[in-house]
C-alpha atoms as a PDB file:
ATOM      1  CA  MET A   1       0.325   1.298 -20.176  1.00  0.00           C
ATOM      2  CA  ALA A   2       0.593   0.264 -16.530  1.00  0.00           C
ATOM      3  CA  GLN A   3      -2.048   0.062 -13.898  1.00  0.00           C
ATOM      4  CA  SER A   4      -2.745   3.624 -13.124  1.00  0.00           C
ATOM      5  CA  THR A   5      -4.363   2.713  -9.777  1.00  0.00           C
ATOM      6  CA  GLU A   6      -1.171   2.154  -7.886  1.00  0.00           C
ATOM      7  CA  GLN A   7       1.639   4.501  -7.179  1.00  0.00           C
ATOM      8  CA  ILE A   8       5.023   4.577  -8.357  1.00  0.00           C
ATOM      9  CA  GLN A   9       8.207   5.100  -6.533  1.00  0.00           C
ATOM     10  CA  ALA A  10      11.616   6.531  -7.871  1.00  0.00           C
ATOM     11  CA  VAL A  11      14.759   7.981  -6.533  1.00  0.00           C
ATOM     12  CA  GLY A  12      16.551  11.040  -8.303  1.00  0.00           C
ATOM     13  CA  ARG A  13      19.963  12.335  -7.411  1.00  0.00           C
ATOM     14  CA  ARG A  14      21.989  15.581  -7.935  1.00  0.00           C
ATOM     15  CA  LYS A  15      25.137  16.600  -6.433  1.00  0.00           C
ATOM     16  CA  THR A  16      24.586  15.848  -2.847  1.00  0.00           C
ATOM     17  CA  SER A  17      20.881  15.826  -3.055  1.00  0.00           C
ATOM     18  CA  SER A  18      18.490  12.835  -3.133  1.00  0.00           C
ATOM     19  CA  ALA A  19      14.902  13.061  -3.838  1.00  0.00           C
ATOM     20  CA  ARG A  20      12.522   9.901  -3.227  1.00  0.00           C
ATOM     21  CA  VAL A  21       9.820  10.668  -5.605  1.00  0.00           C
ATOM     22  CA  ILE A  22       6.067   9.224  -5.492  1.00  0.00           C
ATOM     23  CA  LEU A  23       3.439   9.430  -8.422  1.00  0.00           C
ATOM     24  CA  ARG A  24      -0.063   8.750  -7.432  1.00  0.00           C
ATOM     25  CA  PRO A  25      -3.016   9.425 -10.018  1.00  0.00           C
ATOM     26  CA  GLY A  26      -4.786  12.671  -9.154  1.00  0.00           C
ATOM     27  CA  GLU A  27      -5.183  16.311 -10.185  1.00  0.00           C
ATOM     28  CA  GLY A  28      -1.503  17.291 -10.284  1.00  0.00           C
ATOM     29  CA  ASN A  29      -0.973  18.412  -6.727  1.00  0.00           C
ATOM     30  CA  TRP A  30       2.390  18.614  -5.440  1.00  0.00           C
ATOM     31  CA  SER A  31       3.886  17.943  -1.908  1.00  0.00           C
ATOM     32  CA  ILE A  32       7.567  18.464  -1.339  1.00  0.00           C
ATOM     33  CA  ASN A  33       8.784  17.733   2.009  1.00  0.00           C
ATOM     34  CA  GLY A  34       5.286  18.639   3.308  1.00  0.00           C
ATOM     35  CA  ARG A  35       5.038  22.059   1.295  1.00  0.00           C
ATOM     36  CA  THR A  36       3.599  22.880  -2.199  1.00  0.00           C
ATOM     37  CA  LEU A  37       5.777  23.313  -5.075  1.00  0.00           C
ATOM     38  CA  THR A  38       5.556  27.230  -4.743  1.00  0.00           C
ATOM     39  CA  GLU A  39       6.300  27.162  -1.098  1.00  0.00           C
ATOM     40  CA  TYR A  40       9.257  24.855  -1.523  1.00  0.00           C
ATOM     41  CA  PHE A  41      10.601  26.446  -4.701  1.00  0.00           C
ATOM     42  CA  PRO A  42       9.681  30.063  -4.852  1.00  0.00           C
ATOM     43  CA  ARG A  43      11.752  30.589  -8.086  1.00  0.00           C
ATOM     44  CA  LEU A  44      10.142  29.895 -11.223  1.00  0.00           C
ATOM     45  CA  PHE A  45      13.355  28.492 -12.456  1.00  0.00           C
ATOM     46  CA  HIS A  46      13.423  25.650  -9.780  1.00  0.00           C
ATOM     47  CA  ARG A  47       9.733  25.053 -10.282  1.00  0.00           C
ATOM     48  CA  LYS A  48       9.927  24.775 -13.974  1.00  0.00           C
ATOM     49  CA  ARG A  49      13.248  22.295 -13.440  1.00  0.00           C
ATOM     50  CA  ALA A  50      11.084  20.076 -11.087  1.00  0.00           C
ATOM     51  CA  GLU A  51       8.024  19.894 -13.600  1.00  0.00           C
ATOM     52  CA  GLU A  52      10.027  19.713 -16.874  1.00  0.00           C
ATOM     53  CA  ALA A  53       9.490  15.801 -17.157  1.00  0.00           C
ATOM     54  CA  LEU A  54       5.660  16.240 -16.674  1.00  0.00           C
ATOM     55  CA  LYS A  55       5.196  19.132 -19.162  1.00  0.00           C
ATOM     56  CA  LEU A  56       7.258  17.176 -21.679  1.00  0.00           C
ATOM     57  CA  THR A  57       5.416  13.851 -21.431  1.00  0.00           C
ATOM     58  CA  GLU A  58       1.707  16.008 -21.093  1.00  0.00           C
ATOM     59  CA  THR A  59       0.941  14.458 -17.933  1.00  0.00           C
ATOM     60  CA  ASP A  60       0.855  17.720 -15.780  1.00  0.00           C
ATOM     61  CA  GLY A  61      -2.576  17.312 -14.547  1.00  0.00           C
ATOM     62  CA  ARG A  62      -2.664  13.519 -14.262  1.00  0.00           C
ATOM     63  CA  PHE A  63      -0.443  12.610 -11.176  1.00  0.00           C
ATOM     64  CA  ASP A  64      -0.169  13.800  -7.631  1.00  0.00           C
ATOM     65  CA  VAL A  65       3.558  14.035  -6.833  1.00  0.00           C
ATOM     66  CA  VAL A  66       4.866  13.785  -3.362  1.00  0.00           C
ATOM     67  CA  VAL A  67       8.690  14.029  -2.877  1.00  0.00           C
ATOM     68  CA  ARG A  68      10.993  13.717   0.185  1.00  0.00           C
ATOM     69  CA  VAL A  69      14.262  15.551  -0.741  1.00  0.00           C
ATOM     70  CA  VAL A  70      17.368  15.802   1.544  1.00  0.00           C
ATOM     71  CA  GLY A  71      20.815  17.393   1.144  1.00  0.00           C
ATOM     72  CA  GLY A  72      22.227  19.707  -0.973  1.00  0.00           C
ATOM     73  CA  GLY A  73      21.021  23.197  -2.090  1.00  0.00           C
ATOM     74  CA  VAL A  74      17.955  24.423  -3.898  1.00  0.00           C
ATOM     75  CA  THR A  75      19.440  23.709  -7.190  1.00  0.00           C
ATOM     76  CA  GLY A  76      20.707  20.293  -6.554  1.00  0.00           C
ATOM     77  CA  GLN A  77      17.291  19.442  -4.973  1.00  0.00           C
ATOM     78  CA  ALA A  78      15.464  20.578  -7.920  1.00  0.00           C
ATOM     79  CA  ASP A  79      17.424  18.726 -10.224  1.00  0.00           C
ATOM     80  CA  ALA A  80      16.939  15.603  -8.175  1.00  0.00           C
ATOM     81  CA  VAL A  81      13.351  15.989  -8.271  1.00  0.00           C
ATOM     82  CA  ARG A  82      13.385  16.216 -11.991  1.00  0.00           C
ATOM     83  CA  LEU A  83      15.314  12.948 -12.421  1.00  0.00           C
ATOM     84  CA  GLY A  84      13.405  11.264  -9.910  1.00  0.00           C
ATOM     85  CA  VAL A  85       9.918  12.187 -11.652  1.00  0.00           C
ATOM     86  CA  ALA A  86      11.486  11.416 -15.133  1.00  0.00           C
ATOM     87  CA  ARG A  87      12.252   7.902 -13.819  1.00  0.00           C
ATOM     88  CA  ALA A  88       8.801   7.470 -12.194  1.00  0.00           C
ATOM     89  CA  LEU A  89       7.243   8.197 -15.211  1.00  0.00           C
ATOM     90  CA  VAL A  90       9.373   5.578 -17.335  1.00  0.00           C
ATOM     91  CA  LYS A  91       8.192   3.190 -14.606  1.00  0.00           C
ATOM     92  CA  GLN A  92       4.371   4.087 -15.138  1.00  0.00           C
ATOM     93  CA  ASP A  93       4.436   3.691 -19.043  1.00  0.00           C
ATOM     94  CA  GLU A  94       7.708   2.780 -20.831  1.00  0.00           C
ATOM     95  CA  GLU A  95       6.550   5.061 -24.019  1.00  0.00           C
ATOM     96  CA  PHE A  96       7.660   8.118 -22.223  1.00  0.00           C
ATOM     97  CA  ARG A  97      11.411   6.841 -22.160  1.00  0.00           C
ATOM     98  CA  SER A  98      12.325   8.096 -25.748  1.00  0.00           C
ATOM     99  CA  PRO A  99      10.903  11.583 -25.230  1.00  0.00           C
ATOM    100  CA  LEU A 100      12.842  12.141 -22.000  1.00  0.00           C
ATOM    101  CA  ARG A 101      15.741  10.549 -23.103  1.00  0.00           C
ATOM    102  CA  ARG A 102      15.735  13.117 -26.335  1.00  0.00           C
ATOM    103  CA  GLY A 103      15.161  15.756 -23.645  1.00  0.00           C
ATOM    104  CA  GLY A 104      17.975  14.642 -21.259  1.00  0.00           C
ATOM    105  CA  LEU A 105      15.975  14.146 -18.035  1.00  0.00           C
ATOM    106  CA  LEU A 106      17.146  10.346 -17.834  1.00  0.00           C
ATOM    107  CA  THR A 107      20.862  11.148 -17.594  1.00  0.00           C
ATOM    108  CA  ARG A 108      22.022  11.591 -14.106  1.00  0.00           C
ATOM    109  CA  ASP A 109      24.400  14.710 -13.960  1.00  0.00           C
ATOM    110  CA  SER A 110      27.278  13.097 -12.142  1.00  0.00           C
ATOM    111  CA  ARG A 111      29.127  16.460 -11.590  1.00  0.00           C
ATOM    112  CA  LYS A 112      30.084  17.095  -7.803  1.00  0.00           C
ATOM    113  CA  VAL A 113      32.076  19.552  -6.083  1.00  0.00           C
ATOM    114  CA  GLU A 114      35.840  18.834  -6.503  1.00  0.00           C
ATOM    115  CA  ARG A 115      37.728  18.655  -2.852  1.00  0.00           C
ATOM    116  CA  LYS A 116      40.299  21.158  -2.080  1.00  0.00           C
ATOM    117  CA  LYS A 117      44.058  19.846  -2.257  1.00  0.00           C
ATOM    118  CA  PRO A 118      46.671  20.569   0.276  1.00  0.00           C
ATOM    119  CA  GLY A 119      48.993  23.305  -0.364  1.00  0.00           C
ATOM    120  CA  ARG A 120      46.369  25.266  -2.405  1.00  0.00           C
ATOM    121  CA  PRO A 121      43.654  27.844  -1.506  1.00  0.00           C
ATOM    122  CA  LYS A 122      40.802  25.904  -3.354  1.00  0.00           C
ATOM    123  CA  ALA A 123      40.654  22.707  -5.514  1.00  0.00           C
ATOM    124  CA  ARG A 124      42.267  24.221  -8.355  1.00  0.00           C
ATOM    125  CA  LYS A 125      43.244  27.733  -7.581  1.00  0.00           C
ATOM    126  CA  LYS A 126      46.984  28.459  -6.889  1.00  0.00           C
ATOM    127  CA  PHE A 127      48.401  30.890  -4.259  1.00  0.00           C
ATOM    128  CA  GLN A 128      49.600  33.904  -6.138  1.00  0.00           C
ATOM    129  CA  PHE A 129      52.859  33.428  -7.643  1.00  0.00           C
ATOM    130  CA  SER A 130      56.033  36.103  -6.844  1.00  0.00           C
ATOM    131  CA  LYS A 131      58.829  36.088  -8.759  1.00  0.00           C
ATOM    132  CA  ARG A 132      60.892  38.377  -6.234  1.00  0.00           C
END
């Protein structure tokens, strides 16, 4: 196990969101852009996504999590935090890699919004066809 007296930093990204995550030994306090986890993610779904890596590795009371997240929407930010926490846990202890990999938490979701194409109302939608 790595030294638990130092802080571990990692970056997680999803869509256009980017989250810088710092794990410090502590009691399990969260600070996301200066707010608590419940204040920043009012929906239970987003809170569970952000905490998923800690729950899976059973370390959800051992670390204080400090996050700086920018860009995108709430879901993208929650998933960016999730990836950042998972990467930081792997830096902290390499034995966490296999359970996190099995849970799909170390894979970056590379899907982004497709750009709008010229001559179309949206990216793939076409204008209504009229035969006559």
